C-alpha atoms as a PDB file:
ATOM      1  CA  MET A   1     105.015 -13.564 189.846  1.00  0.00           C
ATOM      2  CA  LYS A   2     102.632 -15.905 191.515  1.00  0.00           C
ATOM      3  CA  GLN A   3     102.664 -19.181 190.728  1.00  0.00           C
ATOM      4  CA  LYS A   4      99.509 -19.994 189.957  1.00  0.00           C
ATOM      5  CA  ALA A   5      99.380 -17.206 187.658  1.00  0.00           C
ATOM      6  CA  LEU A   6     102.454 -18.495 185.503  1.00  0.00           C
ATOM      7  CA  TRP A   7     100.665 -21.058 183.335  1.00  0.00           C
ATOM      8  CA  ILE A   8      98.510 -18.101 182.233  1.00  0.00           C
ATOM      9  CA  ASN A   9     101.404 -16.195 181.596  1.00  0.00           C
ATOM     10  CA  GLN A  10     102.858 -18.807 179.339  1.00  0.00           C
ATOM     11  CA  ILE A  11      99.550 -18.238 177.080  1.00  0.00           C
ATOM     12  CA  LYS A  12     100.376 -14.840 177.000  1.00  0.00           C
ATOM     13  CA  GLY A  13     103.840 -15.398 176.041  1.00  0.00           C
ATOM     14  CA  LEU A  14     102.546 -18.080 173.143  1.00  0.00           C
ATOM     15  CA  CYS A  15     100.375 -15.429 171.826  1.00  0.00           C
ATOM     16  CA  ILE A  16     102.753 -13.091 171.658  1.00  0.00           C
ATOM     17  CA  CYS A  17     105.151 -15.149 169.711  1.00  0.00           C
ATOM     18  CA  LEU A  18     102.378 -16.445 167.180  1.00  0.00           C
ATOM     19  CA  VAL A  19     101.942 -12.490 166.698  1.00  0.00           C
ATOM     20  CA  VAL A  20     105.379 -12.413 165.650  1.00  0.00           C
ATOM     21  CA  ILE A  21     105.542 -15.205 163.444  1.00  0.00           C
ATOM     22  CA  TYR A  22     101.941 -13.795 161.783  1.00  0.00           C
ATOM     23  CA  HIS A  23     103.941 -10.478 160.452  1.00  0.00           C
ATOM     24  CA  SER A  24     107.198 -12.611 159.627  1.00  0.00           C
ATOM     25  CA  VAL A  25     104.933 -14.631 157.334  1.00  0.00           C
ATOM     26  CA  ILE A  26     102.980 -11.866 155.688  1.00  0.00           C
ATOM     27  CA  THR A  27     105.055  -9.298 155.046  1.00  0.00           C
ATOM     28  CA  PHE A  28     107.745 -11.560 153.596  1.00  0.00           C
ATOM     29  CA  TYR A  29     106.465 -14.993 151.855  1.00  0.00           C
ATOM     30  CA  PRO A  30     103.979 -13.296 149.428  1.00  0.00           C
ATOM     31  CA  HIS A  31     106.189 -10.691 147.979  1.00  0.00           C
ATOM     32  CA  LEU A  32     109.275 -13.763 146.981  1.00  0.00           C
ATOM     33  CA  ASN A  33     108.876 -13.984 143.025  1.00  0.00           C
ATOM     34  CA  GLY A  34     112.374 -14.793 142.052  1.00  0.00           C
ATOM     35  CA  LEU A  35     113.500 -17.964 143.777  1.00  0.00           C
ATOM     36  CA  GLN A  36     115.298 -20.703 142.149  1.00  0.00           C
ATOM     37  CA  HIS A  37     114.008 -23.812 143.092  1.00  0.00           C
ATOM     38  CA  PRO A  38     110.380 -25.158 143.038  1.00  0.00           C
ATOM     39  CA  LEU A  39     110.752 -26.356 146.641  1.00  0.00           C
ATOM     40  CA  SER A  40     111.348 -22.995 147.834  1.00  0.00           C
ATOM     41  CA  GLY A  41     108.371 -21.874 146.239  1.00  0.00           C
ATOM     42  CA  LEU A  42     106.467 -24.950 147.899  1.00  0.00           C
ATOM     43  CA  LEU A  43     107.546 -24.178 151.127  1.00  0.00           C
ATOM     44  CA  ALA A  44     106.948 -20.563 151.101  1.00  0.00           C
ATOM     45  CA  LYS A  45     103.146 -21.701 150.670  1.00  0.00           C
ATOM     46  CA  CYS A  46     103.384 -24.303 152.938  1.00  0.00           C
ATOM     47  CA  TRP A  47     104.052 -21.170 155.591  1.00  0.00           C
ATOM     48  CA  VAL A  48     101.585 -18.715 154.294  1.00  0.00           C
ATOM     49  CA  TYR A  49      98.585 -21.512 154.795  1.00  0.00           C
ATOM     50  CA  PHE A  50     100.103 -22.713 157.990  1.00  0.00           C
ATOM     51  CA  ASN A  51     100.153 -19.112 159.234  1.00  0.00           C
ATOM     52  CA  LEU A  52      96.378 -18.976 157.792  1.00  0.00           C
ATOM     53  CA  TYR A  53      95.234 -22.118 159.613  1.00  0.00           C
ATOM     54  CA  LEU A  54      96.574 -20.364 162.893  1.00  0.00           C
ATOM     55  CA  ALA A  55      94.065 -17.389 162.909  1.00  0.00           C
ATOM     56  CA  PRO A  56      91.558 -19.128 164.937  1.00  0.00           C
ATOM     57  CA  PHE A  57      94.181 -19.766 167.806  1.00  0.00           C
ATOM     58  CA  ARG A  58      95.724 -16.449 167.763  1.00  0.00           C
ATOM     59  CA  MET A  59      94.337 -13.348 168.615  1.00  0.00           C
ATOM     60  CA  PRO A  60      90.647 -14.712 170.024  1.00  0.00           C
ATOM     61  CA  VAL A  61      93.044 -16.541 172.946  1.00  0.00           C
ATOM     62  CA  PHE A  62      95.099 -13.547 173.358  1.00  0.00           C
ATOM     63  CA  PHE A  63      91.971 -11.074 174.076  1.00  0.00           C
ATOM     64  CA  PHE A  64      90.348 -13.440 176.335  1.00  0.00           C
ATOM     65  CA  ILE A  65      93.376 -13.778 178.618  1.00  0.00           C
ATOM     66  CA  SER A  66      93.800  -9.817 178.316  1.00  0.00           C
ATOM     67  CA  GLY A  67      89.962  -9.965 179.199  1.00  0.00           C
ATOM     68  CA  TYR A  68      90.581 -12.233 181.928  1.00  0.00           C
ATOM     69  CA  LEU A  69      93.096 -10.183 183.462  1.00  0.00           C
ATOM     70  CA  ILE A  70      91.344  -7.359 183.719  1.00  0.00           C
ATOM     71  CA  ARG A  71      88.198  -8.239 185.282  1.00  0.00           C
ATOM     72  CA  ARG A  72      88.790  -6.503 188.811  1.00  0.00           C
ATOM     73  CA  TYR A  73      88.875  -3.401 187.247  1.00  0.00           C
ATOM     74  CA  ILE A  74      85.288  -3.882 185.411  1.00  0.00           C
ATOM     75  CA  ASP A  75      83.903  -5.029 188.867  1.00  0.00           C
ATOM     76  CA  ASP A  76      85.244  -3.580 191.698  1.00  0.00           C
ATOM     77  CA  VAL A  77      87.759  -0.526 190.684  1.00  0.00           C
ATOM     78  CA  GLY A  78      86.129   3.195 189.924  1.00  0.00           C
ATOM     79  CA  TRP A  79      86.778   4.843 187.312  1.00  0.00           C
ATOM     80  CA  ARG A  80      89.066   7.468 188.172  1.00  0.00           C
ATOM     81  CA  VAL A  81      91.531   4.634 188.804  1.00  0.00           C
ATOM     82  CA  SER A  82      90.741   2.321 185.542  1.00  0.00           C
ATOM     83  CA  VAL A  83      91.207   5.728 183.280  1.00  0.00           C
ATOM     84  CA  ASP A  84      94.734   5.646 184.879  1.00  0.00           C
ATOM     85  CA  LYS A  85      95.629   1.969 185.145  1.00  0.00           C
ATOM     86  CA  ARG A  86      93.901   0.522 182.014  1.00  0.00           C
ATOM     87  CA  ILE A  87      93.014   3.469 179.355  1.00  0.00           C
ATOM     88  CA  TRP A  88      95.418   6.199 179.830  1.00  0.00           C
ATOM     89  CA  SER A  89      98.272   3.757 179.894  1.00  0.00           C
ATOM     90  CA  ILE A  90      97.729   2.081 176.692  1.00  0.00           C
ATOM     91  CA  VAL A  91      96.554   5.244 175.245  1.00  0.00           C
ATOM     92  CA  TRP A  92     100.273   6.519 175.984  1.00  0.00           C
ATOM     93  CA  VAL A  93     101.764   3.954 174.482  1.00  0.00           C
ATOM     94  CA  LEU A  94      99.533   3.367 171.181  1.00  0.00           C
ATOM     95  CA  ALA A  95     100.323   7.223 170.606  1.00  0.00           C
ATOM     96  CA  LEU A  96     103.891   6.788 171.152  1.00  0.00           C
ATOM     97  CA  TRP A  97     104.770   3.555 169.153  1.00  0.00           C
ATOM     98  CA  GLY A  98     102.522   4.736 166.631  1.00  0.00           C
ATOM     99  CA  VAL A  99     104.693   7.649 165.805  1.00  0.00           C
ATOM    100  CA  LEU A 100     107.929   5.743 165.978  1.00  0.00           C
ATOM    101  CA  GLN A 101     106.557   2.936 164.006  1.00  0.00           C
ATOM    102  CA  TRP A 102     105.312   5.722 161.086  1.00  0.00           C
ATOM    103  CA  GLN A 103     108.369   7.125 160.946  1.00  0.00           C
ATOM    104  CA  ALA A 104     110.655   4.167 161.105  1.00  0.00           C
ATOM    105  CA  LEU A 105     108.881   2.521 158.306  1.00  0.00           C
ATOM    106  CA  SER A 106     108.647   5.155 156.308  1.00  0.00           C
ATOM    107  CA  HIS A 107     112.490   5.866 156.173  1.00  0.00           C
ATOM    108  CA  ILE A 108     113.212   1.568 155.848  1.00  0.00           C
ATOM    109  CA  ASN A 109     111.108   1.944 152.980  1.00  0.00           C
ATOM    110  CA  ALA A 110     112.333   4.688 151.262  1.00  0.00           C
ATOM    111  CA  TRP A 111     116.128   3.461 152.333  1.00  0.00           C
ATOM    112  CA  LEU A 112     115.619  -0.085 151.182  1.00  0.00           C
ATOM    113  CA  ALA A 113     112.717  -0.209 148.950  1.00  0.00           C
ATOM    114  CA  PRO A 114     112.300   3.240 147.126  1.00  0.00           C
ATOM    115  CA  GLU A 115     110.292   2.313 143.703  1.00  0.00           C
ATOM    116  CA  ARG A 116     108.185   0.202 146.084  1.00  0.00           C
ATOM    117  CA  GLU A 117     104.312   1.848 145.817  1.00  0.00           C
ATOM    118  CA  LEU A 118     102.357   2.147 149.224  1.00  0.00           C
ATOM    119  CA  ALA A 119      98.886   2.360 150.287  1.00  0.00           C
ATOM    120  CA  THR A 120      99.032   5.253 152.097  1.00  0.00           C
ATOM    121  CA  SER A 121      95.399   5.557 153.475  1.00  0.00           C
ATOM    122  CA  SER A 122      95.128   1.483 154.380  1.00  0.00           C
ATOM    123  CA  ASN A 123      97.745   1.704 156.928  1.00  0.00           C
ATOM    124  CA  ALA A 124      98.654   4.912 160.099  1.00  0.00           C
ATOM    125  CA  ALA A 125     102.764   3.103 159.467  1.00  0.00           C
ATOM    126  CA  TYR A 126     102.417   3.917 155.652  1.00  0.00           C
ATOM    127  CA  ALA A 127     100.405   7.273 156.039  1.00  0.00           C
ATOM    128  CA  GLY A 128     101.757  10.270 153.361  1.00  0.00           C
ATOM    129  CA  SER A 129     100.631  13.094 156.071  1.00  0.00           C
ATOM    130  CA  ILE A 130      99.785  13.608 158.986  1.00  0.00           C
ATOM    131  CA  GLY A 131      95.873  13.792 158.257  1.00  0.00           C
ATOM    132  CA  GLU A 132      96.322  10.191 156.818  1.00  0.00           C
ATOM    133  CA  PHE A 133      98.019   9.259 160.031  1.00  0.00           C
ATOM    134  CA  MET A 134      95.493  10.409 162.486  1.00  0.00           C
ATOM    135  CA  ARG A 135      92.390   8.872 160.134  1.00  0.00           C
ATOM    136  CA  ALA A 136      94.095   5.759 159.872  1.00  0.00           C
ATOM    137  CA  MET A 137      95.167   5.464 163.742  1.00  0.00           C
ATOM    138  CA  LEU A 138      91.027   6.545 164.734  1.00  0.00           C
ATOM    139  CA  THR A 139      90.408   3.953 162.517  1.00  0.00           C
ATOM    140  CA  ALA A 140      92.189   0.977 163.622  1.00  0.00           C
ATOM    141  CA  SER A 141      94.090   0.366 160.177  1.00  0.00           C
ATOM    142  CA  THR A 142      97.075   0.514 162.535  1.00  0.00           C
ATOM    143  CA  SER A 143      99.741  -2.595 162.991  1.00  0.00           C
ATOM    144  CA  LEU A 144      99.229  -1.761 166.795  1.00  0.00           C
ATOM    145  CA  TRP A 145      95.785  -2.079 166.694  1.00  0.00           C
ATOM    146  CA  TYR A 146      95.552  -4.404 169.067  1.00  0.00           C
ATOM    147  CA  LEU A 147      96.327  -1.509 171.610  1.00  0.00           C
ATOM    148  CA  TYR A 148      93.040   0.344 169.910  1.00  0.00           C
ATOM    149  CA  ALA A 149      91.016  -2.656 170.523  1.00  0.00           C
ATOM    150  CA  LEU A 150      92.096  -3.005 174.482  1.00  0.00           C
ATOM    151  CA  ILE A 151      91.183   0.815 175.181  1.00  0.00           C
ATOM    152  CA  VAL A 152      87.799   0.186 173.244  1.00  0.00           C
ATOM    153  CA  TYR A 153      87.187  -3.228 174.690  1.00  0.00           C
ATOM    154  CA  PHE A 154      87.628  -2.117 178.408  1.00  0.00           C
ATOM    155  CA  THR A 155      85.377   0.771 178.188  1.00  0.00           C
ATOM    156  CA  LEU A 156      82.484  -0.892 176.489  1.00  0.00           C
ATOM    157  CA  CYS A 157      82.603  -3.810 179.071  1.00  0.00           C
ATOM    158  CA  LYS A 158      82.837  -1.583 181.999  1.00  0.00           C
ATOM    159  CA  VAL A 159      80.128   0.927 180.707  1.00  0.00           C
ATOM    160  CA  LEU A 160      77.941  -2.282 179.858  1.00  0.00           C
ATOM    161  CA  SER A 161      78.846  -5.224 182.182  1.00  0.00           C
ATOM    162  CA  ARG A 162      75.237  -4.500 183.917  1.00  0.00           C
ATOM    163  CA  TRP A 163      74.103  -6.530 180.343  1.00  0.00           C
ATOM    164  CA  LYS A 164      76.287  -9.050 180.163  1.00  0.00           C
ATOM    165  CA  LEU A 165      74.311 -11.779 178.320  1.00  0.00           C
ATOM    166  CA  PRO A 166      72.495  -9.766 175.712  1.00  0.00           C
ATOM    167  CA  VAL A 167      75.436  -7.770 174.749  1.00  0.00           C
ATOM    168  CA  LEU A 168      77.397 -10.977 174.714  1.00  0.00           C
ATOM    169  CA  VAL A 169      74.889 -12.223 172.251  1.00  0.00           C
ATOM    170  CA  LEU A 170      75.117  -9.241 170.165  1.00  0.00           C
ATOM    171  CA  LEU A 171      79.028  -9.282 170.064  1.00  0.00           C
ATOM    172  CA  ALA A 172      79.074 -13.210 169.076  1.00  0.00           C
ATOM    173  CA  LEU A 173      76.716 -12.236 166.236  1.00  0.00           C
ATOM    174  CA  ALA A 174      78.692  -8.867 165.507  1.00  0.00           C
ATOM    175  CA  SER A 175      81.636 -11.603 165.301  1.00  0.00           C
ATOM    176  CA  VAL A 176      79.581 -13.625 162.513  1.00  0.00           C
ATOM    177  CA  ALA A 177      78.277 -11.213 160.735  1.00  0.00           C
ATOM    178  CA  ILE A 178      81.661  -8.577 160.481  1.00  0.00           C
ATOM    179  CA  ASN A 179      83.044 -11.929 157.950  1.00  0.00           C
ATOM    180  CA  PHE A 180      80.698 -11.454 155.661  1.00  0.00           C
ATOM    181  CA  LEU A 181      79.535  -7.404 156.033  1.00  0.00           C
ATOM    182  CA  PRO A 182      83.459  -5.898 156.732  1.00  0.00           C
ATOM    183  CA  LEU A 183      83.665  -2.632 157.374  1.00  0.00           C
ATOM    184  CA  PRO A 184      86.233  -0.328 154.984  1.00  0.00           C
ATOM    185  CA  TRP A 185      89.257  -0.578 157.383  1.00  0.00           C
ATOM    186  CA  TRP A 186      90.920  -3.762 158.024  1.00  0.00           C
ATOM    187  CA  GLY A 187      91.907  -2.639 161.583  1.00  0.00           C
ATOM    188  CA  MET A 188      88.618  -2.268 162.302  1.00  0.00           C
ATOM    189  CA  ASN A 189      87.082  -4.753 161.261  1.00  0.00           C
ATOM    190  CA  SER A 190      89.598  -7.320 163.447  1.00  0.00           C
ATOM    191  CA  VAL A 191      88.277  -4.650 166.505  1.00  0.00           C
ATOM    192  CA  VAL A 192      84.736  -6.056 165.830  1.00  0.00           C
ATOM    193  CA  ARG A 193      85.730  -9.524 165.220  1.00  0.00           C
ATOM    194  CA  ASN A 194      87.282  -9.870 168.465  1.00  0.00           C
ATOM    195  CA  MET A 195      85.495  -8.200 171.042  1.00  0.00           C
ATOM    196  CA  ILE A 196      83.567 -11.681 171.972  1.00  0.00           C
ATOM    197  CA  TYR A 197      86.504 -13.009 173.297  1.00  0.00           C
ATOM    198  CA  TYR A 198      87.426 -10.445 175.508  1.00  0.00           C
ATOM    199  CA  SER A 199      84.409  -9.541 176.771  1.00  0.00           C
ATOM    200  CA  LEU A 200      83.901 -13.095 177.604  1.00  0.00           C
ATOM    201  CA  GLY A 201      87.058 -13.121 179.479  1.00  0.00           C
ATOM    202  CA  ALA A 202      86.072 -10.120 181.459  1.00  0.00           C
ATOM    203  CA  TRP A 203      82.852 -11.176 182.420  1.00  0.00           C
ATOM    204  CA  PHE A 204      82.461 -14.537 182.550  1.00  0.00           C
ATOM    205  CA  GLY A 205      86.438 -15.460 182.818  1.00  0.00           C
ATOM    206  CA  ALA A 206      86.749 -16.584 186.361  1.00  0.00           C
ATOM    207  CA  HIS A 207      83.683 -19.059 186.013  1.00  0.00           C
ATOM    208  CA  LEU A 208      85.168 -20.376 182.961  1.00  0.00           C
ATOM    209  CA  MET A 209      88.209 -20.915 184.152  1.00  0.00           C
ATOM    210  CA  GLU A 210      86.697 -23.082 187.058  1.00  0.00           C
ATOM    211  CA  TRP A 211      84.681 -25.226 184.961  1.00  0.00           C
ATOM    212  CA  MET A 212      88.165 -26.057 183.027  1.00  0.00           C
ATOM    213  CA  LYS A 213      90.431 -26.763 185.604  1.00  0.00           C
ATOM    214  CA  GLY A 214      87.135 -29.339 186.827  1.00  0.00           C
ATOM    215  CA  MET A 215      86.890 -30.653 183.546  1.00  0.00           C
ATOM    216  CA  THR A 216      88.270 -34.218 182.475  1.00  0.00           C
ATOM    217  CA  MET A 217      89.155 -34.682 179.124  1.00  0.00           C
ATOM    218  CA  ARG A 218      89.204 -38.434 179.194  1.00  0.00           C
ATOM    219  CA  ARG A 219      85.404 -37.970 180.032  1.00  0.00           C
ATOM    220  CA  THR A 220      84.467 -35.393 177.600  1.00  0.00           C
ATOM    221  CA  TRP A 221      86.942 -36.361 175.034  1.00  0.00           C
ATOM    222  CA  LEU A 222      83.679 -37.071 172.540  1.00  0.00           C
ATOM    223  CA  PRO A 223      81.745 -33.998 172.562  1.00  0.00           C
ATOM    224  CA  VAL A 224      84.636 -32.241 172.503  1.00  0.00           C
ATOM    225  CA  VAL A 225      85.715 -34.108 169.344  1.00  0.00           C
ATOM    226  CA  ALA A 226      82.312 -33.374 167.723  1.00  0.00           C
ATOM    227  CA  PHE A 227      82.261 -29.305 168.550  1.00  0.00           C
ATOM    228  CA  GLY A 228      85.447 -29.474 166.976  1.00  0.00           C
ATOM    229  CA  ALA A 229      84.459 -31.226 163.559  1.00  0.00           C
ATOM    230  CA  VAL A 230      81.492 -28.964 163.782  1.00  0.00           C
ATOM    231  CA  SER A 231      84.034 -26.001 164.777  1.00  0.00           C
ATOM    232  CA  VAL A 232      86.246 -27.091 161.496  1.00  0.00           C
ATOM    233  CA  VAL A 233      83.171 -27.231 159.460  1.00  0.00           C
ATOM    234  CA  LEU A 234      81.825 -23.627 160.226  1.00  0.00           C
ATOM    235  CA  TRP A 235      85.330 -22.321 159.989  1.00  0.00           C
ATOM    236  CA  PHE A 236      85.845 -23.360 156.405  1.00  0.00           C
ATOM    237  CA  ALA A 237      82.236 -21.628 155.459  1.00  0.00           C
ATOM    238  CA  ASN A 238      84.278 -18.455 157.365  1.00  0.00           C
ATOM    239  CA  VAL A 239      82.576 -18.694 160.871  1.00  0.00           C
ATOM    240  CA  PRO A 240      85.391 -19.128 162.793  1.00  0.00           C
ATOM    241  CA  LEU A 241      83.926 -18.069 166.160  1.00  0.00           C
ATOM    242  CA  LEU A 242      83.327 -21.693 167.347  1.00  0.00           C
ATOM    243  CA  LEU A 243      86.792 -22.963 166.813  1.00  0.00           C
ATOM    244  CA  SER A 244      88.090 -19.976 168.348  1.00  0.00           C
ATOM    245  CA  LEU A 245      86.141 -20.504 171.740  1.00  0.00           C
ATOM    246  CA  LEU A 246      87.536 -24.204 171.521  1.00  0.00           C
ATOM    247  CA  SER A 247      90.948 -23.089 170.540  1.00  0.00           C
ATOM    248  CA  ILE A 248      90.617 -20.729 173.837  1.00  0.00           C
ATOM    249  CA  LEU A 249      89.274 -23.940 176.264  1.00  0.00           C
ATOM    250  CA  LEU A 250      92.309 -26.293 174.759  1.00  0.00           C
ATOM    251  CA  ILE A 251      94.929 -24.018 175.206  1.00  0.00           C
ATOM    252  CA  MET A 252      93.787 -22.904 178.753  1.00  0.00           C
ATOM    253  CA  LYS A 253      93.398 -27.030 179.845  1.00  0.00           C
ATOM    254  CA  LEU A 254      96.889 -27.904 178.063  1.00  0.00           C
ATOM    255  CA  PHE A 255      99.088 -25.296 179.980  1.00  0.00           C
ATOM    256  CA  TYR A 256      96.925 -25.660 183.219  1.00  0.00           C
ATOM    257  CA  SER A 257      97.135 -29.581 183.035  1.00  0.00           C
ATOM    258  CA  VAL A 258     100.959 -29.054 182.630  1.00  0.00           C
ATOM    259  CA  GLU A 259     101.526 -26.638 185.269  1.00  0.00           C
ATOM    260  CA  GLN A 260     100.033 -29.234 187.600  1.00  0.00           C
ATOM    261  CA  ARG A 261     102.171 -31.474 186.276  1.00  0.00           C
ATOM    262  CA  TYR A 262     105.199 -30.220 185.991  1.00  0.00           C
ATOM    263  CA  ALA A 263     107.173 -27.351 188.277  1.00  0.00           C
ATOM    264  CA  VAL A 264     106.978 -24.484 186.165  1.00  0.00           C
ATOM    265  CA  HIS A 265     109.937 -21.863 186.962  1.00  0.00           C
ATOM    266  CA  PRO A 266     109.193 -18.071 187.012  1.00  0.00           C
ATOM    267  CA  ASN A 267     112.396 -17.569 184.412  1.00  0.00           C
ATOM    268  CA  ASN A 268     111.012 -20.059 181.984  1.00  0.00           C
ATOM    269  CA  LEU A 269     111.205 -18.456 178.335  1.00  0.00           C
ATOM    270  CA  LEU A 270     107.213 -17.904 177.757  1.00  0.00           C
ATOM    271  CA  ASN A 271     106.678 -16.428 181.109  1.00  0.00           C
ATOM    272  CA  VAL A 272     109.854 -13.858 180.671  1.00  0.00           C
ATOM    273  CA  VAL A 273     108.217 -13.274 177.223  1.00  0.00           C
ATOM    274  CA  GLY A 274     104.356 -13.450 178.634  1.00  0.00           C
ATOM    275  CA  SER A 275     105.441 -10.926 180.774  1.00  0.00           C
ATOM    276  CA  ASN A 276     106.794  -8.512 178.247  1.00  0.00           C
ATOM    277  CA  THR A 277     104.030  -8.900 175.357  1.00  0.00           C
ATOM    278  CA  ILE A 278     103.572  -4.796 174.986  1.00  0.00           C
ATOM    279  CA  ALA A 279     107.587  -4.102 174.384  1.00  0.00           C
ATOM    280  CA  ILE A 280     108.139  -7.276 172.068  1.00  0.00           C
ATOM    281  CA  TYR A 281     104.441  -6.240 170.232  1.00  0.00           C
ATOM    282  CA  THR A 282     105.072  -2.426 169.821  1.00  0.00           C
ATOM    283  CA  THR A 283     108.968  -3.016 168.389  1.00  0.00           C
ATOM    284  CA  HIS A 284     108.964  -6.465 166.474  1.00  0.00           C
ATOM    285  CA  ARG A 285     106.847  -4.508 163.407  1.00  0.00           C
ATOM    286  CA  ILE A 286     110.065  -1.903 163.059  1.00  0.00           C
ATOM    287  CA  LEU A 287     112.384  -4.885 162.863  1.00  0.00           C
ATOM    288  CA  ILE A 288     110.248  -7.404 160.401  1.00  0.00           C
ATOM    289  CA  GLU A 289     109.636  -4.375 157.686  1.00  0.00           C
ATOM    290  CA  LEU A 290     113.943  -4.112 157.990  1.00  0.00           C
ATOM    291  CA  PHE A 291     114.539  -8.125 157.749  1.00  0.00           C
ATOM    292  CA  SER A 292     111.841  -8.269 154.867  1.00  0.00           C
ATOM    293  CA  LEU A 293     112.843  -5.748 152.691  1.00  0.00           C
ATOM    294  CA  PHE A 294     116.261  -6.686 152.719  1.00  0.00           C
ATOM    295  CA  LEU A 295     115.496 -10.409 152.248  1.00  0.00           C
ATOM    296  CA  ILE A 296     113.414  -9.667 149.647  1.00  0.00           C
ATOM    297  CA  GLY A 297     115.526  -7.827 147.380  1.00  0.00           C
ATOM    298  CA  GLN A 298     118.069 -10.567 148.089  1.00  0.00           C
ATOM    299  CA  LEU A 299     116.111 -13.480 147.327  1.00  0.00           C
ATOM    300  CA  ASN A 300     114.466 -11.747 144.034  1.00  0.00           C
ATOM    301  CA  ALA A 301     117.676 -10.904 142.589  1.00  0.00           C
ATOM    302  CA  GLY A 302     118.670 -14.493 142.594  1.00  0.00           C
ATOM    303  CA  THR A 303     122.123 -14.086 144.270  1.00  0.00           C
ATOM    304  CA  TRP A 304     122.070 -16.525 146.762  1.00  0.00           C
ATOM    305  CA  PRO A 305     123.002 -20.227 146.458  1.00  0.00           C
ATOM    306  CA  VAL A 306     120.330 -22.330 146.219  1.00  0.00           C
ATOM    307  CA  TRP A 307     120.840 -24.179 149.754  1.00  0.00           C
ATOM    308  CA  ALA A 308     120.909 -20.580 151.192  1.00  0.00           C
ATOM    309  CA  GLU A 309     117.413 -20.071 149.505  1.00  0.00           C
ATOM    310  CA  LEU A 310     116.173 -23.360 150.676  1.00  0.00           C
ATOM    311  CA  SER A 311     117.192 -22.990 154.468  1.00  0.00           C
ATOM    312  CA  LEU A 312     116.050 -19.004 154.955  1.00  0.00           C
ATOM    313  CA  ILE A 313     112.922 -20.280 153.146  1.00  0.00           C
ATOM    314  CA  LEU A 314     112.495 -22.924 155.816  1.00  0.00           C
ATOM    315  CA  VAL A 315     113.177 -21.251 159.127  1.00  0.00           C
ATOM    316  CA  TYR A 316     112.991 -17.731 158.503  1.00  0.00           C
ATOM    317  CA  PRO A 317     110.094 -17.284 161.000  1.00  0.00           C
ATOM    318  CA  PHE A 318     111.730 -19.214 163.694  1.00  0.00           C
ATOM    319  CA  ILE A 319     115.136 -16.316 163.476  1.00  0.00           C
ATOM    320  CA  SER A 320     112.538 -13.392 163.312  1.00  0.00           C
ATOM    321  CA  LEU A 321     110.782 -14.335 166.340  1.00  0.00           C
ATOM    322  CA  LEU A 322     114.033 -14.720 167.917  1.00  0.00           C
ATOM    323  CA  VAL A 323     115.729 -11.432 167.109  1.00  0.00           C
ATOM    324  CA  CYS A 324     112.757 -10.052 167.576  1.00  0.00           C
ATOM    325  CA  THR A 325     112.021 -11.260 170.895  1.00  0.00           C
ATOM    326  CA  LEU A 326     115.558 -10.651 172.158  1.00  0.00           C
ATOM    327  CA  PHE A 327     115.334  -7.156 170.772  1.00  0.00           C
ATOM    328  CA  GLY A 328     111.741  -6.892 172.510  1.00  0.00           C
ATOM    329  CA  LEU A 329     112.949  -7.421 175.398  1.00  0.00           C
ATOM    330  CA  GLY A 330     116.215  -5.835 175.623  1.00  0.00           C
ATOM    331  CA  ALA A 331     114.128  -2.311 174.600  1.00  0.00           C
ATOM    332  CA  ARG A 332     112.571  -2.932 177.759  1.00  0.00           C
ATOM    333  CA  LYS A 333     115.215  -3.146 179.887  1.00  0.00           C
ATOM    334  CA  VAL A 334     117.024  -0.363 178.081  1.00  0.00           C
ATOM    335  CA  SER A 335     113.625   1.847 178.912  1.00  0.00           C
ATOM    336  CA  SER A 336     113.689   0.675 182.304  1.00  0.00           C
ATOM    337  CA  ALA A 337     117.081   1.898 183.445  1.00  0.00           C
ATOM    338  CA  LEU A 338     117.755   4.794 181.015  1.00  0.00           C
ATOM    339  CA  PHE A 339     114.062   6.575 180.879  1.00  0.00           C
ATOM    340  CA  GLY A 340     112.372   5.192 183.554  1.00  0.00           C
ATOM    341  CA  ASP A 341     110.195   3.067 181.271  1.00  0.00           C
ATOM    342  CA  VAL A 342     108.500   5.959 179.372  1.00  0.00           C
ATOM    343  CA  PHE A 343     108.799   3.606 176.072  1.00  0.00           C
ATOM    344  CA  PHE A 344     106.073   1.530 177.348  1.00  0.00           C
ATOM    345  CA  ALA A 345     104.507   3.388 180.428  1.00  0.00           C
ATOM    346  CA  PRO A 346     103.309   6.944 180.418  1.00  0.00           C
ATOM    347  CA  PRO A 347     105.571   8.963 182.903  1.00  0.00           C
ATOM    348  CA  ALA A 348     104.574   9.208 186.358  1.00  0.00           C
ATOM    349  CA  ARG A 349     102.251  12.538 186.788  1.00  0.00           C
ATOM    350  CA  LEU A 350     103.963  15.073 189.184  1.00  0.00           C
ATOM    351  CA  ALA A 351     101.858  15.796 192.533  1.00  0.00           C
ATOM    352  CA  PRO A 352     101.041  18.716 193.202  1.00  0.00           C
ATOM    353  CA  ALA A 353     103.261  20.698 195.474  1.00  0.00           C
ATOM    354  CA  GLN A 354     101.812  21.443 198.582  1.00  0.00           C
ATOM    355  CA  ALA A 355     101.543  24.899 200.031  1.00  0.00           C
ATOM    356  CA  THR A 356     104.164  25.722 202.278  1.00  0.00           C
ATOM    357  CA  ARG A 357     104.244  28.591 205.079  1.00  0.00           C
END
């Protein structure tokens, strides 16, 4: 990996870590109703609220970086190569892991929580039939909606690249409006909400990167603070757009500045994680379901010592992040070594046989 790209890869690593923590929190803490110590309940609520406050810093940054990294395919690469490299490769992973998650989560729930009532139409991973699964996947009602969004975003950005500014304005309006007029499908709401950030990275990312690199925080701290204050007020009014844009700027500036000051090794943990985001993203949801269902039953039964309960409530997201990250990295290595990486990339197409005489 080129040295100049390491800081961008580190941001990708941070983003996928935040995604794993997000899913670890929402599948675990809200379902704890048998905690023995009042402090356990307080810590659980702290994690839930902390997860909520991370929302403007998680997917917007992830999508901006994703858009920035494919800008060459938008401007300079033809449709034939783009479909193969930027659409088909993601469709393969989305379809494959959609099925694998569906089967895995269905069996995990039947094993660990057979009494649990699942909303089979709300998430493809809990679908009760092939028809429900297909409908949920087509409406982005899947834990893999990030991959669904990448396909939609790339296609629209390439088709609409001649009308960048007016489309960007419409996407910004849509990102705000979806908070007040949501669609029936939770995943599609997220797709609409986040397209502005991907498009900004794909269409204007290069210019914004140059501006960010030349920006001196000591000279611009006052307007940044003022913008941040307005952004926080709007965020509390359910308009997170400005706060998300500010988070993109500040996170990029932080990682870029750190790389300029300190030598960043390619084997740095965030670099390694950032190079394997797809493997971690597709595998972590299955592990989290397994962990949460088992531990929820244990804690709600009140069989653990109080000190063990408090310890787990305090550090569970970090333990989950560590295990999911290591498992994702291991799964990628096994897939590459034994199966030609078929679990995370489509199989190589066979070249047509040449006629021989």
